[in-house]
Amino acid sequence: PQVADIGLMGTKVRKDGKTVEGVDIFMGGKVGKDARLGDKVQQGVACDDLQAVLTNLLIEHFQAQPRSAGDPNPGRVEVMLGE
């Protein structure tokens, strides 16, 4: 259980018949007066697949925009944070 916009909890997962490092992904959660734990939105994501999964979550839930193809850091997204 995590309390953050996006939380990661380490775990072991099976990928291609092998046990590898991975994470469960949680979203939401709150501290303070109305505290609650985040909801598990993805289970057993291999660390090798994590960048693509997090990129999709940022685009879908936080309106992130993929950077242009000529960017020196391919695979990154930009998120504009509001107040």
PDB file of N, CA and C in Angstrom:
ATOM      1  N   PRO A   1       0.835  -1.198   0.000  1.00  0.00           N
ATOM      2  CA  PRO A   1       0.000   0.000   0.000  1.00  0.00           C
ATOM      3  C   PRO A   1       0.874   1.253   0.000  1.00  0.00           C
ATOM      4  N   GLN A   2       0.507   2.203  -0.788  1.00  0.00           N
ATOM      5  CA  GLN A   2       1.284   3.425  -0.938  1.00  0.00           C
ATOM      6  C   GLN A   2       0.366   4.633  -0.806  1.00  0.00           C
ATOM      7  N   VAL A   3       0.942   5.772  -0.437  1.00  0.00           N
ATOM      8  CA  VAL A   3       0.202   7.026  -0.368  1.00  0.00           C
ATOM      9  C   VAL A   3       0.978   8.039  -1.194  1.00  0.00           C
ATOM     10  N   ALA A   4       0.557   8.244  -2.440  1.00  0.00           N
ATOM     11  CA  ALA A   4       1.205   9.182  -3.356  1.00  0.00           C
ATOM     12  C   ALA A   4       0.407   9.208  -4.641  1.00  0.00           C
ATOM     13  N   ASP A   5       0.742  10.160  -5.538  1.00  0.00           N
ATOM     14  CA  ASP A   5       0.093  10.150  -6.847  1.00  0.00           C
ATOM     15  C   ASP A   5       0.367   8.826  -7.545  1.00  0.00           C
ATOM     16  N   ILE A   6       1.623   8.415  -7.545  1.00  0.00           N
ATOM     17  CA  ILE A   6       2.002   7.101  -8.070  1.00  0.00           C
ATOM     18  C   ILE A   6       2.961   6.478  -7.068  1.00  0.00           C
ATOM     19  N   GLY A   7       2.666   5.261  -6.641  1.00  0.00           N
ATOM     20  CA  GLY A   7       3.524   4.550  -5.700  1.00  0.00           C
ATOM     21  C   GLY A   7       3.965   3.224  -6.282  1.00  0.00           C
ATOM     22  N   LEU A   8       5.186   2.820  -5.974  1.00  0.00           N
ATOM     23  CA  LEU A   8       5.733   1.557  -6.455  1.00  0.00           C
ATOM     24  C   LEU A   8       6.122   0.701  -5.262  1.00  0.00           C
ATOM     25  N   MET A   9       5.738  -0.573  -5.301  1.00  0.00           N
ATOM     26  CA  MET A   9       6.134  -1.506  -4.252  1.00  0.00           C
ATOM     27  C   MET A   9       6.865  -2.668  -4.910  1.00  0.00           C
ATOM     28  N   GLY A  10       8.095  -2.885  -4.511  1.00  0.00           N
ATOM     29  CA  GLY A  10       8.906  -3.935  -5.111  1.00  0.00           C
ATOM     30  C   GLY A  10       8.347  -5.324  -4.875  1.00  0.00           C
ATOM     31  N   THR A  11       8.527  -6.189  -5.862  1.00  0.00           N
ATOM     32  CA  THR A  11       8.071  -7.572  -5.780  1.00  0.00           C
ATOM     33  C   THR A  11       8.858  -8.402  -6.786  1.00  0.00           C
ATOM     34  N   LYS A  12       8.666  -9.675  -6.773  1.00  0.00           N
ATOM     35  CA  LYS A  12       9.236 -10.574  -7.787  1.00  0.00           C
ATOM     36  C   LYS A  12       8.118 -10.935  -8.754  1.00  0.00           C
ATOM     37  N   VAL A  13       8.434 -10.998 -10.047  1.00  0.00           N
ATOM     38  CA  VAL A  13       7.442 -11.351 -11.062  1.00  0.00           C
ATOM     39  C   VAL A  13       8.034 -12.397 -12.004  1.00  0.00           C
ATOM     40  N   ARG A  14       7.166 -13.093 -12.708  1.00  0.00           N
ATOM     41  CA  ARG A  14       7.590 -14.064 -13.714  1.00  0.00           C
ATOM     42  C   ARG A  14       7.542 -13.404 -15.081  1.00  0.00           C
ATOM     43  N   LYS A  15       8.643 -13.502 -15.816  1.00  0.00           N
ATOM     44  CA  LYS A  15       8.697 -12.978 -17.179  1.00  0.00           C
ATOM     45  C   LYS A  15       9.509 -13.949 -18.017  1.00  0.00           C
ATOM     46  N   ASP A  16       8.919 -14.406 -19.093  1.00  0.00           N
ATOM     47  CA  ASP A  16       9.585 -15.367 -19.978  1.00  0.00           C
ATOM     48  C   ASP A  16      10.079 -16.591 -19.210  1.00  0.00           C
ATOM     49  N   GLY A  17       9.271 -17.043 -18.242  1.00  0.00           N
ATOM     50  CA  GLY A  17       9.605 -18.246 -17.489  1.00  0.00           C
ATOM     51  C   GLY A  17      10.646 -18.063 -16.405  1.00  0.00           C
ATOM     52  N   LYS A  18      11.073 -16.823 -16.167  1.00  0.00           N
ATOM     53  CA  LYS A  18      12.090 -16.551 -15.148  1.00  0.00           C
ATOM     54  C   LYS A  18      11.537 -15.595 -14.099  1.00  0.00           C
ATOM     55  N   THR A  19      12.060 -15.695 -12.881  1.00  0.00           N
ATOM     56  CA  THR A  19      11.706 -14.758 -11.823  1.00  0.00           C
ATOM     57  C   THR A  19      12.612 -13.541 -11.940  1.00  0.00           C
ATOM     58  N   VAL A  20      11.990 -12.355 -12.014  1.00  0.00           N
ATOM     59  CA  VAL A  20      12.748 -11.108 -12.165  1.00  0.00           C
ATOM     60  C   VAL A  20      12.216 -10.066 -11.188  1.00  0.00           C
ATOM     61  N   GLU A  21      12.985  -8.993 -11.013  1.00  0.00           N
ATOM     62  CA  GLU A  21      12.558  -7.877 -10.173  1.00  0.00           C
ATOM     63  C   GLU A  21      11.382  -7.170 -10.831  1.00  0.00           C
ATOM     64  N   GLY A  22      10.432  -6.738 -10.019  1.00  0.00           N
ATOM     65  CA  GLY A  22       9.280  -6.033 -10.549  1.00  0.00           C
ATOM     66  C   GLY A  22       8.638  -5.163  -9.488  1.00  0.00           C
ATOM     67  N   VAL A  23       7.505  -4.586  -9.834  1.00  0.00           N
ATOM     68  CA  VAL A  23       6.772  -3.717  -8.912  1.00  0.00           C
ATOM     69  C   VAL A  23       5.274  -3.894  -9.099  1.00  0.00           C
ATOM     70  N   ASP A  24       4.539  -3.575  -8.046  1.00  0.00           N
ATOM     71  CA  ASP A  24       3.108  -3.332  -8.132  1.00  0.00           C
ATOM     72  C   ASP A  24       2.963  -1.819  -8.136  1.00  0.00           C
ATOM     73  N   ILE A  25       2.020  -1.295  -8.922  1.00  0.00           N
ATOM     74  CA  ILE A  25       1.843   0.150  -9.051  1.00  0.00           C
ATOM     75  C   ILE A  25       0.539   0.565  -8.390  1.00  0.00           C
ATOM     76  N   PHE A  26       0.626   1.579  -7.537  1.00  0.00           N
ATOM     77  CA  PHE A  26      -0.521   2.125  -6.821  1.00  0.00           C
ATOM     78  C   PHE A  26      -0.730   3.571  -7.252  1.00  0.00           C
ATOM     79  N   MET A  27      -1.976   4.011  -7.247  1.00  0.00           N
ATOM     80  CA  MET A  27      -2.271   5.417  -7.541  1.00  0.00           C
ATOM     81  C   MET A  27      -3.246   5.947  -6.503  1.00  0.00           C
ATOM     82  N   GLY A  28      -3.118   7.246  -6.251  1.00  0.00           N
ATOM     83  CA  GLY A  28      -4.007   7.895  -5.299  1.00  0.00           C
ATOM     84  C   GLY A  28      -3.438   7.802  -3.902  1.00  0.00           C
ATOM     85  N   GLY A  29      -4.322   7.786  -2.961  1.00  0.00           N
ATOM     86  CA  GLY A  29      -3.901   7.781  -1.576  1.00  0.00           C
ATOM     87  C   GLY A  29      -3.808   9.203  -1.063  1.00  0.00           C
ATOM     88  N   LYS A  30      -3.887   9.334   0.221  1.00  0.00           N
ATOM     89  CA  LYS A  30      -3.901  10.664   0.824  1.00  0.00           C
ATOM     90  C   LYS A  30      -3.442  10.552   2.266  1.00  0.00           C
ATOM     91  N   VAL A  31      -2.742  11.558   2.742  1.00  0.00           N
ATOM     92  CA  VAL A  31      -2.369  11.636   4.146  1.00  0.00           C
ATOM     93  C   VAL A  31      -3.189  12.739   4.793  1.00  0.00           C
ATOM     94  N   GLY A  32      -3.232  12.745   6.095  1.00  0.00           N
ATOM     95  CA  GLY A  32      -3.949  13.804   6.795  1.00  0.00           C
ATOM     96  C   GLY A  32      -5.336  13.381   7.234  1.00  0.00           C
ATOM     97  N   LYS A  33      -6.241  14.352   7.262  1.00  0.00           N
ATOM     98  CA  LYS A  33      -7.586  14.157   7.816  1.00  0.00           C
ATOM     99  C   LYS A  33      -8.335  12.988   7.179  1.00  0.00           C
ATOM    100  N   ASP A  34      -8.383  12.928   5.880  1.00  0.00           N
ATOM    101  CA  ASP A  34      -9.102  11.861   5.181  1.00  0.00           C
ATOM    102  C   ASP A  34      -8.122  10.857   4.577  1.00  0.00           C
ATOM    103  N   ALA A  35      -7.153  10.415   5.375  1.00  0.00           N
ATOM    104  CA  ALA A  35      -6.092   9.538   4.886  1.00  0.00           C
ATOM    105  C   ALA A  35      -6.656   8.234   4.327  1.00  0.00           C
ATOM    106  N   ARG A  36      -6.034   7.787   3.236  1.00  0.00           N
ATOM    107  CA  ARG A  36      -6.381   6.485   2.663  1.00  0.00           C
ATOM    108  C   ARG A  36      -5.195   5.994   1.849  1.00  0.00           C
ATOM    109  N   LEU A  37      -5.122   4.688   1.677  1.00  0.00           N
ATOM    110  CA  LEU A  37      -4.061   4.098   0.880  1.00  0.00           C
ATOM    111  C   LEU A  37      -4.405   4.188  -0.591  1.00  0.00           C
ATOM    112  N   GLY A  38      -3.393   4.167  -1.432  1.00  0.00           N
ATOM    113  CA  GLY A  38      -3.613   4.185  -2.872  1.00  0.00           C
ATOM    114  C   GLY A  38      -4.227   2.880  -3.352  1.00  0.00           C
ATOM    115  N   ASP A  39      -4.797   2.919  -4.548  1.00  0.00           N
ATOM    116  CA  ASP A  39      -5.395   1.741  -5.167  1.00  0.00           C
ATOM    117  C   ASP A  39      -4.368   1.075  -6.075  1.00  0.00           C
ATOM    118  N   LYS A  40      -4.293  -0.258  -6.008  1.00  0.00           N
ATOM    119  CA  LYS A  40      -3.382  -0.987  -6.892  1.00  0.00           C
ATOM    120  C   LYS A  40      -3.965  -0.949  -8.296  1.00  0.00           C
ATOM    121  N   VAL A  41      -3.217  -0.359  -9.243  1.00  0.00           N
ATOM    122  CA  VAL A  41      -3.708  -0.237 -10.616  1.00  0.00           C
ATOM    123  C   VAL A  41      -3.011  -1.208 -11.566  1.00  0.00           C
ATOM    124  N   GLN A  42      -1.838  -1.699 -11.193  1.00  0.00           N
ATOM    125  CA  GLN A  42      -1.136  -2.702 -11.999  1.00  0.00           C
ATOM    126  C   GLN A  42      -0.367  -3.595 -11.042  1.00  0.00           C
ATOM    127  N   GLN A  43      -0.394  -4.879 -11.308  1.00  0.00           N
ATOM    128  CA  GLN A  43       0.299  -5.834 -10.449  1.00  0.00           C
ATOM    129  C   GLN A  43       1.347  -6.582 -11.253  1.00  0.00           C
ATOM    130  N   GLY A  44       2.501  -6.776 -10.643  1.00  0.00           N
ATOM    131  CA  GLY A  44       3.526  -7.612 -11.248  1.00  0.00           C
ATOM    132  C   GLY A  44       4.119  -7.082 -12.534  1.00  0.00           C
ATOM    133  N   VAL A  45       4.530  -5.812 -12.539  1.00  0.00           N
ATOM    134  CA  VAL A  45       5.170  -5.217 -13.717  1.00  0.00           C
ATOM    135  C   VAL A  45       6.679  -5.433 -13.599  1.00  0.00           C
ATOM    136  N   ALA A  46       7.261  -6.109 -14.571  1.00  0.00           N
ATOM    137  CA  ALA A  46       8.713  -6.324 -14.572  1.00  0.00           C
ATOM    138  C   ALA A  46       9.422  -4.977 -14.691  1.00  0.00           C
ATOM    139  N   CYS A  47      10.532  -4.817 -13.981  1.00  0.00           N
ATOM    140  CA  CYS A  47      11.269  -3.547 -14.027  1.00  0.00           C
ATOM    141  C   CYS A  47      11.691  -3.191 -15.451  1.00  0.00           C
ATOM    142  N   ASP A  48      11.968  -4.191 -16.281  1.00  0.00           N
ATOM    143  CA  ASP A  48      12.323  -3.925 -17.682  1.00  0.00           C
ATOM    144  C   ASP A  48      11.187  -3.251 -18.440  1.00  0.00           C
ATOM    145  N   ASP A  49       9.952  -3.449 -17.999  1.00  0.00           N
ATOM    146  CA  ASP A  49       8.774  -2.887 -18.669  1.00  0.00           C
ATOM    147  C   ASP A  49       8.271  -1.611 -18.002  1.00  0.00           C
ATOM    148  N   LEU A  50       8.913  -1.210 -16.915  1.00  0.00           N
ATOM    149  CA  LEU A  50       8.382  -0.131 -16.081  1.00  0.00           C
ATOM    150  C   LEU A  50       8.324   1.219 -16.784  1.00  0.00           C
ATOM    151  N   GLN A  51       9.332   1.572 -17.569  1.00  0.00           N
ATOM    152  CA  GLN A  51       9.325   2.885 -18.223  1.00  0.00           C
ATOM    153  C   GLN A  51       8.104   3.042 -19.119  1.00  0.00           C
ATOM    154  N   ALA A  52       7.804   2.049 -19.929  1.00  0.00           N
ATOM    155  CA  ALA A  52       6.654   2.140 -20.839  1.00  0.00           C
ATOM    156  C   ALA A  52       5.339   2.200 -20.068  1.00  0.00           C
ATOM    157  N   VAL A  53       5.219   1.419 -19.004  1.00  0.00           N
ATOM    158  CA  VAL A  53       3.984   1.406 -18.213  1.00  0.00           C
ATOM    159  C   VAL A  53       3.782   2.748 -17.525  1.00  0.00           C
ATOM    160  N   LEU A  54       4.842   3.297 -16.909  1.00  0.00           N
ATOM    161  CA  LEU A  54       4.721   4.594 -16.243  1.00  0.00           C
ATOM    162  C   LEU A  54       4.455   5.714 -17.244  1.00  0.00           C
ATOM    163  N   THR A  55       5.069   5.650 -18.410  1.00  0.00           N
ATOM    164  CA  THR A  55       4.802   6.649 -19.448  1.00  0.00           C
ATOM    165  C   THR A  55       3.322   6.658 -19.793  1.00  0.00           C
ATOM    166  N   ASN A  56       2.735   5.477 -19.997  1.00  0.00           N
ATOM    167  CA  ASN A  56       1.306   5.399 -20.320  1.00  0.00           C
ATOM    168  C   ASN A  56       0.437   5.926 -19.189  1.00  0.00           C
ATOM    169  N   LEU A  57       0.788   5.614 -17.934  1.00  0.00           N
ATOM    170  CA  LEU A  57       0.013   6.133 -16.800  1.00  0.00           C
ATOM    171  C   LEU A  57       0.082   7.655 -16.736  1.00  0.00           C
ATOM    172  N   LEU A  58       1.271   8.220 -16.960  1.00  0.00           N
ATOM    173  CA  LEU A  58       1.415   9.676 -16.933  1.00  0.00           C
ATOM    174  C   LEU A  58       0.602  10.338 -18.038  1.00  0.00           C
ATOM    175  N   ILE A  59       0.573   9.734 -19.208  1.00  0.00           N
ATOM    176  CA  ILE A  59      -0.206  10.282 -20.321  1.00  0.00           C
ATOM    177  C   ILE A  59      -1.698  10.168 -20.034  1.00  0.00           C
ATOM    178  N   GLU A  60      -2.146   8.997 -19.581  1.00  0.00           N
ATOM    179  CA  GLU A  60      -3.572   8.757 -19.363  1.00  0.00           C
ATOM    180  C   GLU A  60      -4.146   9.523 -18.173  1.00  0.00           C
ATOM    181  N   HIS A  61      -3.393   9.597 -17.079  1.00  0.00           N
ATOM    182  CA  HIS A  61      -3.951  10.150 -15.840  1.00  0.00           C
ATOM    183  C   HIS A  61      -3.492  11.564 -15.510  1.00  0.00           C
ATOM    184  N   PHE A  62      -2.385  12.009 -16.091  1.00  0.00           N
ATOM    185  CA  PHE A  62      -1.845  13.320 -15.744  1.00  0.00           C
ATOM    186  C   PHE A  62      -1.638  14.201 -16.969  1.00  0.00           C
ATOM    187  N   GLN A  63      -2.183  13.802 -18.109  1.00  0.00           N
ATOM    188  CA  GLN A  63      -2.116  14.561 -19.363  1.00  0.00           C
ATOM    189  C   GLN A  63      -0.686  14.913 -19.766  1.00  0.00           C
ATOM    190  N   ALA A  64       0.243  14.014 -19.491  1.00  0.00           N
ATOM    191  CA  ALA A  64       1.626  14.221 -19.926  1.00  0.00           C
ATOM    192  C   ALA A  64       1.681  14.170 -21.446  1.00  0.00           C
ATOM    193  N   GLN A  65       2.667  14.825 -22.007  1.00  0.00           N
ATOM    194  CA  GLN A  65       2.858  14.849 -23.455  1.00  0.00           C
ATOM    195  C   GLN A  65       4.198  14.201 -23.785  1.00  0.00           C
ATOM    196  N   PRO A  66       4.198  13.220 -24.697  1.00  0.00           N
ATOM    197  CA  PRO A  66       5.483  12.637 -25.108  1.00  0.00           C
ATOM    198  C   PRO A  66       6.364  13.713 -25.739  1.00  0.00           C
ATOM    199  N   ARG A  67       7.654  13.639 -25.495  1.00  0.00           N
ATOM    200  CA  ARG A  67       8.582  14.585 -26.113  1.00  0.00           C
ATOM    201  C   ARG A  67       8.729  14.261 -27.587  1.00  0.00           C
ATOM    202  N   SER A  68       9.219  15.213 -28.347  1.00  0.00           N
ATOM    203  CA  SER A  68       9.360  15.033 -29.791  1.00  0.00           C
ATOM    204  C   SER A  68      10.399  13.961 -30.111  1.00  0.00           C
ATOM    205  N   ALA A  69      10.301  13.414 -31.312  1.00  0.00           N
ATOM    206  CA  ALA A  69      11.188  12.329 -31.739  1.00  0.00           C
ATOM    207  C   ALA A  69      12.657  12.743 -31.728  1.00  0.00           C
ATOM    208  N   GLY A  70      12.960  14.025 -31.943  1.00  0.00           N
ATOM    209  CA  GLY A  70      14.336  14.490 -31.970  1.00  0.00           C
ATOM    210  C   GLY A  70      14.918  14.789 -30.601  1.00  0.00           C
ATOM    211  N   ASP A  71      14.160  14.582 -29.552  1.00  0.00           N
ATOM    212  CA  ASP A  71      14.613  14.873 -28.194  1.00  0.00           C
ATOM    213  C   ASP A  71      15.789  13.962 -27.830  1.00  0.00           C
ATOM    214  N   PRO A  72      16.810  14.487 -27.148  1.00  0.00           N
ATOM    215  CA  PRO A  72      17.959  13.657 -26.776  1.00  0.00           C
ATOM    216  C   PRO A  72      17.625  12.603 -25.719  1.00  0.00           C
ATOM    217  N   ASN A  73      16.448  12.687 -25.113  1.00  0.00           N
ATOM    218  CA  ASN A  73      16.032  11.727 -24.095  1.00  0.00           C
ATOM    219  C   ASN A  73      14.754  11.021 -24.541  1.00  0.00           C
ATOM    220  N   PRO A  74      14.836  10.102 -25.499  1.00  0.00           N
ATOM    221  CA  PRO A  74      13.626   9.442 -25.994  1.00  0.00           C
ATOM    222  C   PRO A  74      12.929   8.663 -24.884  1.00  0.00           C
ATOM    223  N   GLY A  75      11.615   8.612 -24.960  1.00  0.00           N
ATOM    224  CA  GLY A  75      10.842   7.889 -23.963  1.00  0.00           C
ATOM    225  C   GLY A  75      10.411   8.743 -22.798  1.00  0.00           C
ATOM    226  N   ARG A  76      10.902   9.954 -22.705  1.00  0.00           N
ATOM    227  CA  ARG A  76      10.495  10.840 -21.616  1.00  0.00           C
ATOM    228  C   ARG A  76       9.208  11.554 -21.965  1.00  0.00           C
ATOM    229  N   VAL A  77       8.486  11.944 -20.932  1.00  0.00           N
ATOM    230  CA  VAL A  77       7.266  12.723 -21.118  1.00  0.00           C
ATOM    231  C   VAL A  77       7.376  13.987 -20.286  1.00  0.00           C
ATOM    232  N   GLU A  78       6.589  14.991 -20.643  1.00  0.00           N
ATOM    233  CA  GLU A  78       6.556  16.241 -19.891  1.00  0.00           C
ATOM    234  C   GLU A  78       5.196  16.375 -19.236  1.00  0.00           C
ATOM    235  N   VAL A  79       5.195  16.764 -17.977  1.00  0.00           N
ATOM    236  CA  VAL A  79       3.957  16.984 -17.244  1.00  0.00           C
ATOM    237  C   VAL A  79       3.979  18.409 -16.728  1.00  0.00           C
ATOM    238  N   MET A  80       2.921  19.157 -17.006  1.00  0.00           N
ATOM    239  CA  MET A  80       2.789  20.507 -16.469  1.00  0.00           C
ATOM    240  C   MET A  80       2.037  20.392 -15.152  1.00  0.00           C
ATOM    241  N   LEU A  81       2.652  20.835 -14.072  1.00  0.00           N
ATOM    242  CA  LEU A  81       2.036  20.731 -12.761  1.00  0.00           C
ATOM    243  C   LEU A  81       1.254  21.989 -12.447  1.00  0.00           C
ATOM    244  N   GLY A  82       0.006  21.799 -12.035  1.00  0.00           N
ATOM    245  CA  GLY A  82      -0.822  22.926 -11.623  1.00  0.00           C
ATOM    246  C   GLY A  82      -0.632  23.207 -10.155  1.00  0.00           C
ATOM    247  N   GLU A  83      -1.284  24.256  -9.706  1.00  0.00           N
ATOM    248  CA  GLU A  83      -1.165  24.611  -8.288  1.00  0.00           C
ATOM    249  C   GLU A  83      -2.131  23.815  -7.460  1.00  0.00           C
TER     250      GLU A  83
END
